[in-house]
Structures are given as C-alpha cells and as structure tokens.
Amino acid sequence: MEEVEVVIVGGGAAGLRAGCVLNAQGISCVVLEARDRVGGRSYAKEHNGKFWDVGGQWIGPGQERMYDLARHYDIPIFPQTEDGLKVLDVNNKRKVYKGLIPPINPISLIELQLTIWRLEWLSSFLTSGRAWESPLAKDWDTISVQKWIDSNLWTKGAREIMHVAVCAVFSANAEELSFLFLLHYIRAAGGLTVLFDVNNGAQQDRLLGGTHKISLCMKSDLGNKVRLNHEVVSVSSIDDKDIVVKCRNGAQFKSKYIIIAIPPILCDTIKYSPSLPMTS
C-alpha cells in the first residue's frame, strides 16, 4: 500500500491543479484518474497535424485562473470569431440569422427576455458557492428545470429556445437538471446572458491547441504522481486518523487527507466508510 499525505480523486483541471499546488509546497500527493487520459470534460483530438477541441472549448471573463494557467504554460490565447451567420435548429427546423436576436415571434421573444431577467433575479437570492443555504433551496432542488419551464413559460417559442439554451450550456436535457443547480450556475457565472455571449461572455476566448493542453502540461509537471486507469471504488477512514483509498485495479493508497475533484454525480459511485452525511 502506497502512502502519501494527500490523495486526489479525479484528473481533470481541478484535480491536476490541486496536485500541482501541493507538489510545489513539497507535500506528497497522488492524482487518481479512472480513465486512460487526463483533462475531464476538456479533450482535443489531433487531425492533420492540428488539434481540435471535442470537449469544453472556451474561457471567458471570471475564469481568471484558467487565463493564468494558459499564460504560465505559454499557451497562446485568441478570440472566438463571430463573423458569419448563426444557425438556430429547433425541432429539426433550421433558421439562419445575424446578430444577437433569434428569429422567433415577438411575443415569445418578450417572454424569453422576461424569463432571463427572472432567472437572474432568483439566482441573486443564493449565496455564491453555498446554494444549499437558501431558504428555498430544498424546494428548488426537488424540481427539474424542465418542470419549471413548463410551469412558468406560456409561449411555445420561448419554451423551445430555453430548451435549446439549456442543452447548449450543460450538454444535458432540462429534465436532467435540478432548478437549484441552474440558479447556482447562473449565480456563479454572474448572469445567464454571460453564459451565452461571446464578447465579455463564456465563449470569448480559445487556446491554441485546445483547453485540454493545460491539463496535459499539468500532468507533465506532476510526472508519475498522476495514475491513469485508477478508478476509485472506496474511501475508508481508519480511527479518524488515516484514509485508505481502494481502486478497481487493486491499487491501494493511505493518506492523511483526500481531495475529491470529480462531478457530484460520480461521487455516488464511490463507497464511503463511514457514510458521508446527507447535508454534505
């Protein structure tokens, strides 16, 4: 059994960055990644000598740590182009347009804007980073985004555009997301329109070689501290002093601390002993 001070579960950007910070301070650590690559939802494929983003592509205002990492690794940053026409595909109906306003009927457009303002207003009641502390958190977490849309939007056009918007931002259908999570995401981003915009928005800039390049650089800095194909299956606390982490491939690690840097939905695939409190 290998012993380190900190075990980090997840080889995405967050887990790798945690490893780099600890390593720079001389704290022994290991990063355990279930897949055969690092990067999490950022990924790039090489084709004809060039790299193409096939995962998360953009960085924008508010993501200053990503900008800092890009500059640290001398990765060129360039703006996302906005030239040309935009394509809107709703229910297999394709429309081409210019500018910011989608080609839907005026009544739906008005309701869509009112909905954006309402969602941003509701998100303002959340404490950034601590959404569960809101008095309405429990109620909002028990309904899906789709249910909220169906109950609060009256025009077909506005409902359809909201569905497209949710899919574009989250790569998931509205019925798969809790309404609390949506509001938390809007609060963290600084507004809903920020998530859709290019200039001064979430799609403002790209990295030469793809955002995945940042993860590859951090992996290179960490060397053999990154272990691929190490899917964590259990985390056990021993006498409230040590932690034992077991992987599906049979590898085991003992540490004083653990950082779990994977999506919440994947956290449930790990067996904890003792069990984590429900409030966490």
Protein backbone atom coordinates (compact mmCIF):
# COMPACT_ATOMS: atom_id res chain seq x y z
CA MET A 1 0.00 0.00 0.00
CA GLU A 2 1.44 3.34 -1.11
CA GLU A 3 1.42 6.15 1.47
CA VAL A 4 1.13 9.86 0.66
CA GLU A 5 -0.12 12.90 2.56
CA VAL A 6 -2.94 13.69 0.11
CA VAL A 7 -4.88 11.54 -2.35
CA ILE A 8 -6.63 13.46 -5.12
CA VAL A 9 -9.50 11.72 -6.90
CA GLY A 10 -10.00 12.99 -10.43
CA GLY A 11 -7.54 14.01 -13.13
CA GLY A 12 -9.50 16.92 -14.56
CA ALA A 13 -8.25 20.50 -14.42
CA ALA A 14 -9.27 20.92 -10.75
CA GLY A 15 -7.61 17.72 -9.55
CA LEU A 16 -4.42 18.34 -11.52
CA ARG A 17 -4.19 21.92 -10.30
CA ALA A 18 -4.59 20.76 -6.70
CA GLY A 19 -1.77 18.30 -7.30
CA CYS A 20 0.50 20.98 -8.75
CA VAL A 21 -0.12 23.34 -5.81
CA LEU A 22 0.60 20.61 -3.25
CA ASN A 23 3.65 19.40 -5.16
CA ALA A 24 5.07 22.92 -5.30
CA GLN A 25 4.83 23.07 -1.48
CA GLY A 26 6.63 19.76 -1.06
CA ILE A 27 3.52 17.90 0.06
CA SER A 28 3.42 14.32 -1.19
CA CYS A 29 0.34 13.52 -3.25
CA VAL A 30 -1.07 11.28 -5.95
CA VAL A 31 -3.77 12.04 -8.55
CA LEU A 32 -6.03 9.08 -9.35
CA GLU A 33 -7.85 9.20 -12.70
CA ALA A 34 -10.32 6.49 -13.75
CA ARG A 35 -9.86 6.96 -17.48
CA ASP A 36 -6.84 6.49 -19.71
CA ARG A 37 -6.36 10.24 -20.10
CA VAL A 38 -6.45 13.44 -18.06
CA GLY A 39 -8.49 16.57 -18.69
CA GLY A 40 -12.01 15.68 -17.59
CA ARG A 41 -14.52 17.31 -19.89
CA SER A 42 -11.79 19.11 -21.84
CA TYR A 43 -10.35 17.00 -24.63
CA ALA A 44 -8.70 17.52 -28.01
CA LYS A 45 -8.09 15.22 -30.98
CA GLU A 46 -5.25 15.56 -33.47
CA HIS A 47 -6.15 15.64 -37.17
CA ASN A 48 -3.77 16.53 -40.00
CA GLY A 49 -1.24 17.90 -37.53
CA LYS A 50 -3.70 20.18 -35.75
CA PHE A 51 -5.62 19.78 -32.51
CA TRP A 52 -9.40 20.11 -32.45
CA ASP A 53 -11.46 20.64 -29.31
CA VAL A 54 -14.05 17.92 -28.78
CA GLY A 55 -14.85 18.88 -25.20
CA GLY A 56 -15.01 22.19 -23.32
CA GLN A 57 -13.51 24.77 -25.66
CA TRP A 58 -13.80 28.30 -24.30
CA ILE A 59 -12.67 30.51 -21.47
CA GLY A 60 -14.06 33.93 -20.61
CA PRO A 61 -14.22 36.71 -18.02
CA GLY A 62 -14.42 35.35 -14.50
CA GLN A 63 -12.23 32.35 -15.30
CA GLU A 64 -9.05 34.18 -14.36
CA ARG A 65 -7.32 31.07 -13.03
CA MET A 66 -7.59 29.45 -16.45
CA TYR A 67 -6.13 32.57 -18.06
CA ASP A 68 -3.30 32.50 -15.51
CA LEU A 69 -2.57 28.84 -16.27
CA ALA A 70 -2.57 29.49 -20.02
CA ARG A 71 -0.09 32.31 -19.57
CA HIS A 72 2.00 30.21 -17.15
CA TYR A 73 2.38 27.49 -19.79
CA ASP A 74 2.83 30.00 -22.65
CA ILE A 75 -0.30 28.78 -24.44
CA PRO A 76 -1.47 31.42 -26.94
CA ILE A 77 -4.98 32.82 -26.35
CA PHE A 78 -7.08 34.02 -29.29
CA PRO A 79 -10.64 35.43 -29.57
CA GLN A 80 -13.57 33.36 -30.77
CA THR A 81 -14.69 34.67 -34.14
CA GLU A 82 -18.23 35.96 -34.52
CA ASP A 83 -18.14 36.50 -38.28
CA GLY A 84 -20.77 34.89 -40.47
CA LEU A 85 -24.32 33.71 -39.97
CA LYS A 86 -25.83 31.98 -36.96
CA VAL A 87 -27.88 28.81 -37.22
CA LEU A 88 -30.83 28.03 -34.95
CA ASP A 89 -32.20 24.46 -35.09
CA VAL A 90 -35.38 23.86 -33.08
CA ASN A 91 -37.29 20.61 -33.56
CA ASN A 92 -35.43 19.98 -36.83
CA LYS A 93 -36.47 23.39 -38.16
CA ARG A 94 -33.41 25.33 -39.28
CA LYS A 95 -33.20 29.13 -39.33
CA VAL A 96 -30.24 31.31 -40.27
CA TYR A 97 -29.83 34.82 -38.89
CA LYS A 98 -27.41 37.61 -37.98
CA GLY A 99 -26.99 39.49 -34.71
CA LEU A 100 -27.99 38.59 -31.17
CA ILE A 101 -31.77 38.22 -31.51
CA PRO A 102 -33.04 34.77 -32.61
CA PRO A 103 -35.78 34.70 -35.29
CA ILE A 104 -38.84 33.89 -33.17
CA ASN A 105 -42.15 35.70 -32.90
CA PRO A 106 -42.14 38.96 -30.85
CA ILE A 107 -44.40 37.64 -28.06
CA SER A 108 -42.09 34.65 -27.48
CA LEU A 109 -39.09 36.95 -27.64
CA ILE A 110 -40.52 39.23 -24.95
CA GLU A 111 -41.30 36.26 -22.70
CA LEU A 112 -37.80 34.89 -23.28
CA GLN A 113 -36.21 38.15 -22.13
CA LEU A 114 -38.51 38.35 -19.11
CA THR A 115 -37.55 34.77 -18.24
CA ILE A 116 -33.85 35.61 -18.41
CA TRP A 117 -34.34 38.56 -16.07
CA ARG A 118 -36.44 36.45 -13.71
CA LEU A 119 -33.86 33.65 -13.52
CA GLU A 120 -31.07 36.13 -12.85
CA TRP A 121 -33.21 37.77 -10.13
CA LEU A 122 -33.96 34.41 -8.48
CA SER A 123 -30.27 33.43 -8.60
CA SER A 124 -29.42 36.60 -6.66
CA PHE A 125 -31.06 35.06 -3.56
CA LEU A 126 -28.36 32.36 -3.44
CA THR A 127 -25.09 32.71 -1.60
CA SER A 128 -22.33 32.17 -4.14
CA GLY A 129 -20.78 28.75 -3.58
CA ARG A 130 -23.31 27.85 -0.86
CA ALA A 131 -26.56 27.47 -2.76
CA TRP A 132 -27.97 24.97 -0.25
CA GLU A 133 -28.22 27.68 2.43
CA SER A 134 -31.07 29.46 0.63
CA PRO A 135 -34.45 29.11 2.39
CA LEU A 136 -35.91 27.87 -0.91
CA ALA A 137 -33.02 25.54 -1.76
CA LYS A 138 -34.88 22.36 -0.82
CA ASP A 139 -37.94 23.29 -2.90
CA TRP A 140 -35.86 24.34 -5.89
CA ASP A 141 -33.77 21.16 -5.72
CA THR A 142 -36.84 18.93 -5.89
CA ILE A 143 -37.99 20.21 -9.28
CA SER A 144 -36.29 19.89 -12.64
CA VAL A 145 -35.51 22.78 -14.95
CA GLN A 146 -37.97 21.28 -17.43
CA LYS A 147 -40.77 21.30 -14.85
CA TRP A 148 -40.06 24.94 -14.02
CA ILE A 149 -40.10 25.86 -17.72
CA ASP A 150 -43.38 24.02 -18.28
CA SER A 151 -44.97 25.73 -15.26
CA ASN A 152 -43.73 29.26 -15.90
CA LEU A 153 -43.37 29.82 -19.65
CA TRP A 154 -46.51 30.22 -21.74
CA THR A 155 -45.35 30.59 -25.34
CA LYS A 156 -44.10 27.66 -27.38
CA GLY A 157 -41.26 29.70 -28.88
CA ALA A 158 -39.83 30.74 -25.50
CA ARG A 159 -40.03 27.17 -24.15
CA GLU A 160 -38.23 25.80 -27.22
CA ILE A 161 -35.45 28.38 -27.07
CA MET A 162 -34.94 27.76 -23.35
CA HIS A 163 -34.64 24.03 -24.03
CA VAL A 164 -32.01 24.67 -26.73
CA ALA A 165 -30.15 27.06 -24.42
CA VAL A 166 -30.02 24.53 -21.57
CA CYS A 167 -28.74 21.80 -23.89
CA ALA A 168 -26.09 24.12 -25.34
CA VAL A 169 -24.73 25.23 -21.95
CA PHE A 170 -24.99 22.00 -19.95
CA SER A 171 -24.89 19.26 -22.62
CA ALA A 172 -27.91 17.79 -20.84
CA ASN A 173 -31.66 17.95 -21.19
CA ALA A 174 -33.68 20.25 -18.95
CA GLU A 175 -35.39 17.32 -17.21
CA GLU A 176 -31.98 16.04 -16.06
CA LEU A 177 -31.05 19.19 -14.11
CA SER A 178 -32.41 20.49 -10.83
CA PHE A 179 -33.70 24.05 -10.80
CA LEU A 180 -31.43 24.83 -7.84
CA PHE A 181 -28.38 23.76 -9.85
CA LEU A 182 -29.43 26.04 -12.72
CA LEU A 183 -29.75 29.04 -10.40
CA HIS A 184 -26.44 28.18 -8.71
CA TYR A 185 -24.72 28.04 -12.11
CA ILE A 186 -26.21 31.38 -13.16
CA ARG A 187 -25.12 32.95 -9.84
CA ALA A 188 -21.58 31.63 -10.20
CA ALA A 189 -21.30 32.86 -13.80
CA GLY A 190 -22.54 36.35 -12.98
CA GLY A 191 -25.72 36.09 -15.04
CA LEU A 192 -27.48 33.95 -17.63
CA THR A 193 -26.61 36.09 -20.63
CA VAL A 194 -22.90 35.75 -19.76
CA LEU A 195 -23.22 32.01 -20.42
CA PHE A 196 -24.49 32.64 -23.96
CA ASP A 197 -22.37 35.61 -25.03
CA VAL A 198 -19.06 35.65 -26.91
CA ASN A 199 -17.66 39.12 -26.29
CA ASN A 200 -17.42 39.53 -22.48
CA GLY A 201 -19.09 36.13 -22.19
CA ALA A 202 -18.25 32.50 -21.58
CA GLN A 203 -17.34 31.91 -25.24
CA GLN A 204 -14.96 34.87 -25.56
CA ASP A 205 -11.56 33.16 -25.98
CA ARG A 206 -9.94 29.92 -27.06
CA LEU A 207 -6.50 28.37 -26.59
CA LEU A 208 -4.16 27.35 -29.38
CA GLY A 209 -4.02 23.56 -29.15
CA GLY A 210 -7.24 23.42 -27.13
CA THR A 211 -8.07 23.87 -23.45
CA HIS A 212 -7.01 20.24 -22.94
CA LYS A 213 -3.42 21.42 -23.38
CA ILE A 214 -3.49 22.97 -19.89
CA SER A 215 -4.26 19.57 -18.35
CA LEU A 216 -1.51 17.91 -20.39
CA CYS A 217 1.00 20.50 -19.15
CA MET A 218 0.00 19.95 -15.52
CA LYS A 219 0.23 16.18 -16.00
CA SER A 220 3.74 16.64 -17.33
CA ASP A 221 4.70 18.70 -14.27
CA LEU A 222 3.36 16.02 -11.91
CA GLY A 223 5.02 13.09 -13.68
CA ASN A 224 4.38 9.72 -12.03
CA LYS A 225 2.17 11.33 -9.40
CA VAL A 226 -0.66 11.01 -11.93
CA ARG A 227 -2.05 7.48 -12.15
CA LEU A 228 -4.33 6.70 -15.08
CA ASN A 229 -6.80 3.79 -15.14
CA HIS A 230 -7.14 4.08 -11.36
CA GLU A 231 -10.90 4.18 -10.73
CA VAL A 232 -11.57 4.76 -7.04
CA VAL A 233 -14.22 2.42 -5.64
CA SER A 234 -13.98 3.03 -1.89
CA VAL A 235 -12.76 5.55 0.66
CA SER A 236 -12.44 4.44 4.30
CA SER A 237 -11.47 6.35 7.42
CA ILE A 238 -9.34 4.46 9.95
CA ASP A 239 -9.55 5.64 13.57
CA ASP A 240 -10.22 9.20 12.31
CA LYS A 241 -6.50 9.46 11.51
CA ASP A 242 -5.75 7.78 8.20
CA ILE A 243 -7.70 7.31 4.98
CA VAL A 244 -7.49 4.21 2.81
CA VAL A 245 -8.42 4.56 -0.85
CA LYS A 246 -9.01 1.46 -2.95
CA CYS A 247 -9.09 1.32 -6.75
CA ARG A 248 -10.84 -1.12 -9.06
CA ASN A 249 -7.48 -2.33 -10.39
CA GLY A 250 -6.45 -3.44 -6.87
CA ALA A 251 -4.19 -0.48 -6.06
CA GLN A 252 -4.49 0.94 -2.53
CA PHE A 253 -3.31 4.21 -1.02
CA LYS A 254 -3.10 5.51 2.55
CA SER A 255 -3.22 9.25 3.24
CA LYS A 256 -3.97 11.86 5.88
CA TYR A 257 -6.22 13.88 3.58
CA ILE A 258 -8.28 13.36 0.43
CA ILE A 259 -9.50 15.77 -2.23
CA ILE A 260 -12.37 14.53 -4.38
CA ALA A 261 -12.33 16.52 -7.63
CA ILE A 262 -14.94 14.73 -9.72
CA PRO A 263 -18.51 15.69 -10.70
CA PRO A 264 -21.09 15.24 -7.91
CA ILE A 265 -22.93 12.55 -9.87
CA LEU A 266 -19.76 10.43 -9.94
CA CYS A 267 -19.18 10.86 -6.20
CA ASP A 268 -22.09 8.49 -5.63
CA THR A 269 -20.20 5.69 -7.40
CA ILE A 270 -17.68 5.60 -4.54
CA LYS A 271 -18.40 3.68 -1.33
CA TYR A 272 -17.59 5.70 1.79
CA SER A 273 -16.95 4.32 5.27
CA PRO A 274 -18.29 5.85 7.38
CA SER A 275 -21.00 7.16 5.08
CA LEU A 276 -20.97 10.86 4.24
CA PRO A 277 -23.63 12.99 5.99
CA MET A 278 -26.62 13.75 3.77
CA THR A 279 -26.14 17.51 4.26
CA SER A 280 -22.75 17.32 2.54
